N, C-alpha and C. Protein backbone atom coordinates (compact mmCIF):
# COMPACT_ATOMS: atom_id res chain seq x y z
N MET A 1 134.89 141.59 47.91
CA MET A 1 134.93 142.93 47.26
C MET A 1 134.29 142.72 45.97
N GLY A 2 134.01 143.46 45.06
CA GLY A 2 133.58 143.45 43.56
C GLY A 2 131.92 142.89 43.30
N ASN A 3 131.87 142.35 42.21
CA ASN A 3 130.49 141.95 42.56
C ASN A 3 130.17 140.44 42.62
N SER A 4 130.72 139.86 43.38
CA SER A 4 130.66 138.40 43.69
C SER A 4 130.16 138.32 45.07
N ARG A 5 129.30 137.26 45.42
CA ARG A 5 128.44 137.10 46.61
C ARG A 5 128.39 136.16 47.49
N VAL A 6 128.35 136.09 48.68
CA VAL A 6 128.31 135.18 49.84
C VAL A 6 127.01 135.25 50.35
N TYR A 7 126.49 133.86 50.17
CA TYR A 7 125.33 133.64 50.81
C TYR A 7 125.32 132.49 51.98
N LEU A 8 124.29 132.41 53.01
CA LEU A 8 123.92 131.47 53.95
C LEU A 8 122.33 131.14 53.84
N LEU A 9 122.29 129.81 53.65
CA LEU A 9 121.25 129.20 53.94
C LEU A 9 121.08 128.47 54.98
N ARG A 10 119.98 128.62 55.64
CA ARG A 10 119.75 127.89 57.08
C ARG A 10 118.57 127.78 57.43
N ASP A 11 117.77 126.92 57.50
CA ASP A 11 116.56 126.57 57.92
C ASP A 11 115.87 127.00 57.04
N GLY A 12 115.81 126.91 55.53
CA GLY A 12 115.12 127.16 54.61
C GLY A 12 115.26 128.55 54.26
N TYR A 13 115.85 129.37 54.71
CA TYR A 13 115.96 130.68 54.42
C TYR A 13 117.23 131.09 53.56
N ILE A 14 117.36 132.08 52.78
CA ILE A 14 118.53 132.40 51.90
C ILE A 14 119.10 133.90 52.37
N ASN A 15 120.12 134.24 52.94
CA ASN A 15 120.57 135.49 53.45
C ASN A 15 121.72 135.79 52.66
N GLN A 16 121.79 136.92 52.03
CA GLN A 16 122.95 137.40 51.30
C GLN A 16 123.90 137.83 52.32
N LEU A 17 125.34 137.62 52.68
CA LEU A 17 125.92 138.09 53.86
C LEU A 17 126.51 139.21 53.48
N SER A 18 127.30 139.06 52.32
CA SER A 18 128.09 140.40 51.33
C SER A 18 127.43 141.33 51.21
N LYS A 19 128.22 142.19 50.83
CA LYS A 19 127.38 143.57 50.05
C LYS A 19 128.19 143.66 48.70
N ASP A 20 127.36 144.20 47.70
CA ASP A 20 127.61 144.26 46.51
C ASP A 20 128.57 145.65 46.24
N HIS A 21 129.63 145.66 45.87
CA HIS A 21 130.28 146.39 45.49
C HIS A 21 130.50 147.24 44.19
N THR A 22 129.24 147.58 43.69
CA THR A 22 129.21 148.04 42.36
C THR A 22 128.99 149.61 42.71
N VAL A 23 129.09 150.04 41.37
CA VAL A 23 128.55 151.21 41.10
C VAL A 23 126.94 151.62 41.59
N ALA A 24 126.30 150.39 40.84
CA ALA A 24 124.83 150.36 40.71
C ALA A 24 124.46 150.28 42.19
N ALA A 25 124.79 149.42 43.41
CA ALA A 25 124.70 149.14 44.13
C ALA A 25 124.43 150.19 45.17
N GLU A 26 125.89 150.87 45.06
CA GLU A 26 126.45 152.35 45.88
C GLU A 26 124.99 153.47 45.48
N ALA A 27 125.05 153.50 44.07
CA ALA A 27 123.95 154.55 43.45
C ALA A 27 122.51 154.40 43.90
N ALA A 28 122.29 152.86 43.65
CA ALA A 28 120.95 152.46 43.72
C ALA A 28 120.46 152.59 42.57
N GLU A 29 121.07 152.56 41.40
CA GLU A 29 120.93 152.39 40.09
C GLU A 29 121.28 150.74 39.45
N GLU A 30 120.50 150.50 38.43
CA GLU A 30 120.38 149.38 38.11
C GLU A 30 121.10 149.02 36.43
N THR A 31 121.42 150.76 36.34
CA THR A 31 122.12 150.59 34.79
C THR A 31 123.81 150.52 34.93
N ALA A 32 124.48 150.93 36.05
CA ALA A 32 126.05 150.57 36.22
C ALA A 32 126.41 149.44 36.81
N THR A 33 127.17 148.85 36.28
CA THR A 33 127.62 147.76 36.73
C THR A 33 129.05 147.37 37.04
N MET A 34 129.77 148.54 37.08
CA MET A 34 131.22 148.52 37.06
C MET A 34 131.53 148.51 38.52
N CYS A 35 132.48 147.62 38.78
CA CYS A 35 132.83 147.53 40.62
C CYS A 35 133.44 148.74 40.87
N SER A 36 133.20 149.00 41.90
CA SER A 36 133.22 150.27 42.75
C SER A 36 134.57 149.66 43.64
N ARG A 37 134.92 148.72 43.75
CA ARG A 37 136.29 148.28 44.89
C ARG A 37 136.81 146.96 43.98
N ALA A 38 138.01 147.29 43.45
CA ALA A 38 138.64 146.22 42.73
C ALA A 38 140.07 146.69 42.86
N ALA A 39 141.22 145.85 43.00
CA ALA A 39 142.50 145.93 42.68
C ALA A 39 143.21 146.08 41.65
N THR A 40 142.96 147.51 41.03
CA THR A 40 143.37 147.58 39.58
C THR A 40 143.51 149.05 39.44
N CYS A 41 144.02 148.99 38.26
CA CYS A 41 144.61 150.19 37.88
C CYS A 41 143.45 150.77 36.36
N SER A 42 142.64 149.79 36.09
CA SER A 42 142.06 149.75 35.03
C SER A 42 140.52 150.47 35.46
N PRO A 43 140.35 151.26 34.59
CA PRO A 43 138.90 152.18 34.69
C PRO A 43 137.62 150.98 34.45
N GLU A 44 137.67 149.95 33.82
CA GLU A 44 136.84 149.61 33.75
C GLU A 44 136.29 148.55 34.40
N LEU A 45 137.49 148.16 35.53
CA LEU A 45 137.19 146.90 36.56
C LEU A 45 137.11 148.03 38.19
N GLY A 46 137.64 148.95 38.20
CA GLY A 46 137.49 149.73 39.57
C GLY A 46 138.45 151.06 39.69
N ARG A 47 138.06 151.83 40.70
CA ARG A 47 138.77 152.87 40.87
C ARG A 47 139.95 153.10 41.85
N GLU A 48 140.25 151.84 42.51
CA GLU A 48 141.17 151.91 43.59
C GLU A 48 142.31 151.17 43.28
N LEU A 49 143.54 151.45 43.26
CA LEU A 49 144.38 150.66 43.53
C LEU A 49 145.01 149.66 44.67
N ILE A 50 144.39 150.21 45.79
CA ILE A 50 144.26 149.35 47.33
C ILE A 50 142.98 149.58 47.69
N VAL A 51 142.29 148.56 47.72
CA VAL A 51 140.93 148.40 48.34
C VAL A 51 140.58 148.09 49.59
N SER A 52 139.73 148.34 50.37
CA SER A 52 139.29 147.78 51.48
C SER A 52 138.72 146.57 51.44
N VAL A 53 138.76 145.58 52.23
CA VAL A 53 138.02 144.15 52.24
C VAL A 53 137.10 144.19 53.43
N ASP A 54 135.82 143.91 53.09
CA ASP A 54 134.80 143.23 54.07
C ASP A 54 135.05 142.12 54.58
N LEU A 55 135.08 142.29 56.12
CA LEU A 55 135.36 141.15 56.86
C LEU A 55 134.22 140.54 57.79
N PHE A 56 133.97 139.55 57.77
CA PHE A 56 132.83 138.81 58.89
C PHE A 56 133.00 137.53 59.29
N GLU A 57 132.70 137.40 60.68
CA GLU A 57 132.60 136.13 61.28
C GLU A 57 131.41 135.53 61.28
N LEU A 58 131.07 134.26 61.02
CA LEU A 58 129.84 133.61 61.46
C LEU A 58 129.83 132.35 61.95
N ASP A 59 129.16 131.89 63.15
CA ASP A 59 129.03 130.65 63.47
C ASP A 59 128.33 129.90 62.38
N LEU A 60 128.90 128.59 62.11
CA LEU A 60 128.10 127.54 61.03
C LEU A 60 127.60 126.66 62.02
N VAL A 61 126.29 126.15 61.64
CA VAL A 61 125.87 124.87 62.23
C VAL A 61 125.37 124.03 61.09
N LYS A 62 125.26 122.74 62.15
CA LYS A 62 124.90 121.54 61.23
C LYS A 62 123.92 121.83 60.19
N GLY A 63 123.95 121.74 58.91
CA GLY A 63 122.70 121.90 57.69
C GLY A 63 123.07 123.39 57.02
N ASP A 64 124.12 124.20 57.41
CA ASP A 64 124.01 125.34 56.88
C ASP A 64 124.64 125.17 55.43
N VAL A 65 124.62 125.93 54.36
CA VAL A 65 125.02 126.01 52.95
C VAL A 65 125.31 126.97 52.88
N VAL A 66 126.91 127.60 52.62
CA VAL A 66 127.46 128.45 52.16
C VAL A 66 127.76 128.82 50.71
N ILE A 67 127.41 129.80 49.92
CA ILE A 67 127.50 129.93 48.62
C ILE A 67 128.34 131.19 48.47
N LEU A 68 129.39 130.74 47.43
CA LEU A 68 130.04 131.93 47.00
C LEU A 68 129.96 131.90 45.55
N CYS A 69 129.64 132.96 44.88
CA CYS A 69 129.36 133.00 43.37
C CYS A 69 129.52 134.15 42.91
N THR A 70 129.93 134.52 41.70
CA THR A 70 130.16 135.50 40.95
C THR A 70 128.78 135.95 40.36
N ASP A 71 128.94 137.17 39.53
CA ASP A 71 127.64 137.90 39.14
C ASP A 71 127.16 137.11 37.92
N GLY A 72 128.17 136.35 37.22
CA GLY A 72 127.39 135.19 36.25
C GLY A 72 126.15 134.38 36.51
N LEU A 73 126.18 134.21 37.92
CA LEU A 73 125.05 133.59 38.54
C LEU A 73 124.04 134.25 38.98
N THR A 74 124.36 135.38 39.66
CA THR A 74 123.13 136.48 40.43
C THR A 74 122.62 136.94 39.29
N ARG A 75 123.06 137.11 38.27
CA ARG A 75 122.39 138.22 37.29
C ARG A 75 121.32 137.31 36.43
N VAL A 76 121.30 135.91 36.60
CA VAL A 76 120.45 135.19 35.75
C VAL A 76 119.61 134.31 36.90
N LEU A 77 119.71 133.98 37.93
CA LEU A 77 119.24 133.57 38.84
C LEU A 77 118.76 134.38 40.29
N GLU A 78 117.16 134.29 40.63
CA GLU A 78 117.15 135.15 41.90
C GLU A 78 117.96 134.34 42.92
N ASP A 79 117.81 134.95 44.27
CA ASP A 79 118.10 134.68 45.38
C ASP A 79 117.36 133.18 45.74
N LEU A 80 116.18 133.32 45.77
CA LEU A 80 115.47 132.11 45.90
C LEU A 80 115.47 130.78 45.12
N GLU A 81 115.80 131.00 43.85
CA GLU A 81 116.09 129.75 42.76
C GLU A 81 117.21 129.19 43.41
N ILE A 82 118.22 130.01 43.73
CA ILE A 82 119.70 129.27 44.01
C ILE A 82 119.04 128.54 45.02
N ALA A 83 118.72 128.95 46.36
CA ALA A 83 117.98 128.31 47.19
C ALA A 83 117.41 126.96 47.14
N GLU A 84 116.55 127.15 46.06
CA GLU A 84 115.78 125.74 45.82
C GLU A 84 116.76 124.93 45.19
N LEU A 85 117.65 125.21 43.92
CA LEU A 85 118.32 124.53 43.45
C LEU A 85 119.19 123.66 44.05
N VAL A 86 119.84 124.02 45.26
CA VAL A 86 121.11 123.70 45.88
C VAL A 86 120.40 122.67 47.00
N LYS A 87 119.02 122.67 47.45
CA LYS A 87 118.22 121.91 48.40
C LYS A 87 118.69 120.66 48.31
N GLY A 88 118.84 120.25 49.62
CA GLY A 88 119.39 118.80 49.65
C GLY A 88 120.52 118.06 48.98
N LEU A 89 121.20 118.85 48.40
CA LEU A 89 122.68 118.26 47.40
C LEU A 89 123.57 118.46 47.93
N ASP A 90 124.68 117.35 47.61
CA ASP A 90 125.87 117.77 48.21
C ASP A 90 126.77 118.88 47.84
N ALA A 91 127.44 119.35 48.07
CA ALA A 91 128.17 120.77 47.37
C ALA A 91 128.68 120.75 46.29
N ALA A 92 129.39 119.26 45.65
CA ALA A 92 129.69 119.36 44.40
C ALA A 92 128.58 119.24 43.40
N THR A 93 127.47 118.40 43.85
CA THR A 93 126.35 118.23 42.87
C THR A 93 125.77 119.74 42.97
N ALA A 94 125.62 120.52 43.94
CA ALA A 94 124.78 121.73 43.88
C ALA A 94 125.98 122.32 43.02
N CYS A 95 127.17 122.69 43.12
CA CYS A 95 127.94 123.47 42.07
C CYS A 95 127.50 123.44 40.64
N ARG A 96 127.50 121.97 40.46
CA ARG A 96 127.17 121.75 38.86
C ARG A 96 125.87 122.12 38.34
N LYS A 97 124.95 121.89 39.47
CA LYS A 97 123.54 122.29 39.17
C LYS A 97 123.55 123.69 38.77
N LEU A 98 124.09 124.45 39.63
CA LEU A 98 123.98 125.95 39.57
C LEU A 98 124.18 126.74 38.25
N ILE A 99 126.01 125.93 38.10
CA ILE A 99 126.14 126.46 36.91
C ILE A 99 125.73 125.83 35.64
N ASP A 100 125.23 124.66 35.53
CA ASP A 100 124.37 124.44 34.48
C ASP A 100 123.18 125.12 34.16
N GLU A 101 122.70 125.34 35.32
CA GLU A 101 121.34 126.17 35.17
C GLU A 101 121.60 127.49 34.80
N ALA A 102 122.42 127.89 35.23
CA ALA A 102 123.06 129.57 34.30
C ALA A 102 123.13 129.61 33.24
N ASN A 103 124.24 128.42 32.86
CA ASN A 103 124.65 128.37 31.22
C ASN A 103 123.10 127.81 30.40
N ALA A 104 122.56 127.46 31.05
CA ALA A 104 120.83 126.91 30.12
C ALA A 104 120.37 128.17 30.02
N ILE A 105 120.25 129.15 31.09
CA ILE A 105 119.57 130.45 30.74
C ILE A 105 120.02 131.28 29.97
N GLY A 106 121.78 131.36 29.95
CA GLY A 106 122.51 131.82 29.03
C GLY A 106 123.14 133.29 29.50
N THR A 107 123.61 132.98 31.05
CA THR A 107 124.52 133.91 31.34
C THR A 107 125.66 134.38 30.49
N LEU A 108 125.65 135.93 30.64
CA LEU A 108 126.38 136.41 29.60
C LEU A 108 127.86 136.86 30.35
N ASP A 109 128.11 136.23 31.45
CA ASP A 109 129.30 137.02 32.32
C ASP A 109 130.02 135.76 33.08
N ASN A 110 130.97 136.04 33.20
CA ASN A 110 131.88 134.71 34.33
C ASN A 110 131.01 134.35 35.06
N LEU A 111 131.34 132.95 35.19
CA LEU A 111 130.65 131.83 36.17
C LEU A 111 131.52 131.47 36.84
N SER A 112 131.44 131.65 38.18
CA SER A 112 132.09 130.81 39.47
C SER A 112 131.43 130.51 40.50
N VAL A 113 131.19 129.19 40.98
CA VAL A 113 130.56 129.22 42.17
C VAL A 113 131.33 127.81 43.06
N ALA A 114 131.12 128.45 44.15
CA ALA A 114 132.08 127.43 45.43
C ALA A 114 130.49 127.18 46.65
N VAL A 115 130.28 126.02 46.77
CA VAL A 115 129.48 125.65 47.62
C VAL A 115 130.11 124.58 48.91
N VAL A 116 129.85 125.12 50.36
CA VAL A 116 130.33 124.45 51.56
C VAL A 116 128.89 124.27 52.26
N ARG A 117 128.92 123.21 52.55
CA ARG A 117 127.56 122.51 53.25
C ARG A 117 128.72 121.80 54.49
N VAL A 118 127.69 122.11 55.51
CA VAL A 118 128.08 121.95 57.04
C VAL A 118 127.24 120.63 57.55
N VAL A 119 128.30 119.54 57.71
CA VAL A 119 127.62 118.25 57.55
C VAL A 119 127.66 117.68 58.80
N GLY A 120 128.57 118.26 59.60
CA GLY A 120 128.72 117.82 61.28
C GLY A 120 128.45 118.82 62.31
N GLU A 121 128.48 118.75 63.46
CA GLU A 121 128.32 119.86 64.29
C GLU A 121 129.88 120.80 64.57
N THR A 122 129.83 121.67 64.58
CA THR A 122 130.99 123.10 64.70
C THR A 122 131.13 122.92 65.73
N PRO A 123 132.57 122.95 66.31
CA PRO A 123 133.29 123.33 67.46
C PRO A 123 132.79 124.45 67.95
N GLY A 124 132.15 124.51 69.35
CA GLY A 124 131.61 125.63 70.17
C GLY A 124 130.31 126.22 69.92
N THR A 125 129.85 125.55 69.10
CA THR A 125 128.48 126.10 68.52
C THR A 125 127.01 125.17 69.37
N ARG A 126 125.88 126.00 69.43
CA ARG A 126 125.16 125.17 70.12
C ARG A 126 123.86 125.18 69.19
N ARG A 127 122.98 124.33 69.18
CA ARG A 127 121.64 124.33 68.72
C ARG A 127 120.50 123.53 69.55
């Protein structure tokens, strides 16, 4: 919920798995960035005290990269730039590179990044 994103990088392609829960995304406008789902009473952060959460399951395979990041990253880097920056890097180095790049550009928002790289076969998956 909110304005953090989950991406999957697989076979050279990046896909946003999560939905943006912002007023702008829901109204298809670029001007409003207030979260439309946030567990708070503050009107600056959201409208609801209790919110629904989007859940999804995904089978991961060797080589997949999952990125969870705040809009401090996605406001300054395009999806393809994110994919290119993490290509071939271990998870810790990928996080550092994304954060350094966003800071170098001058992100004006909070910035958090988590990266998971699948390095072995996962149970129950075939490729």
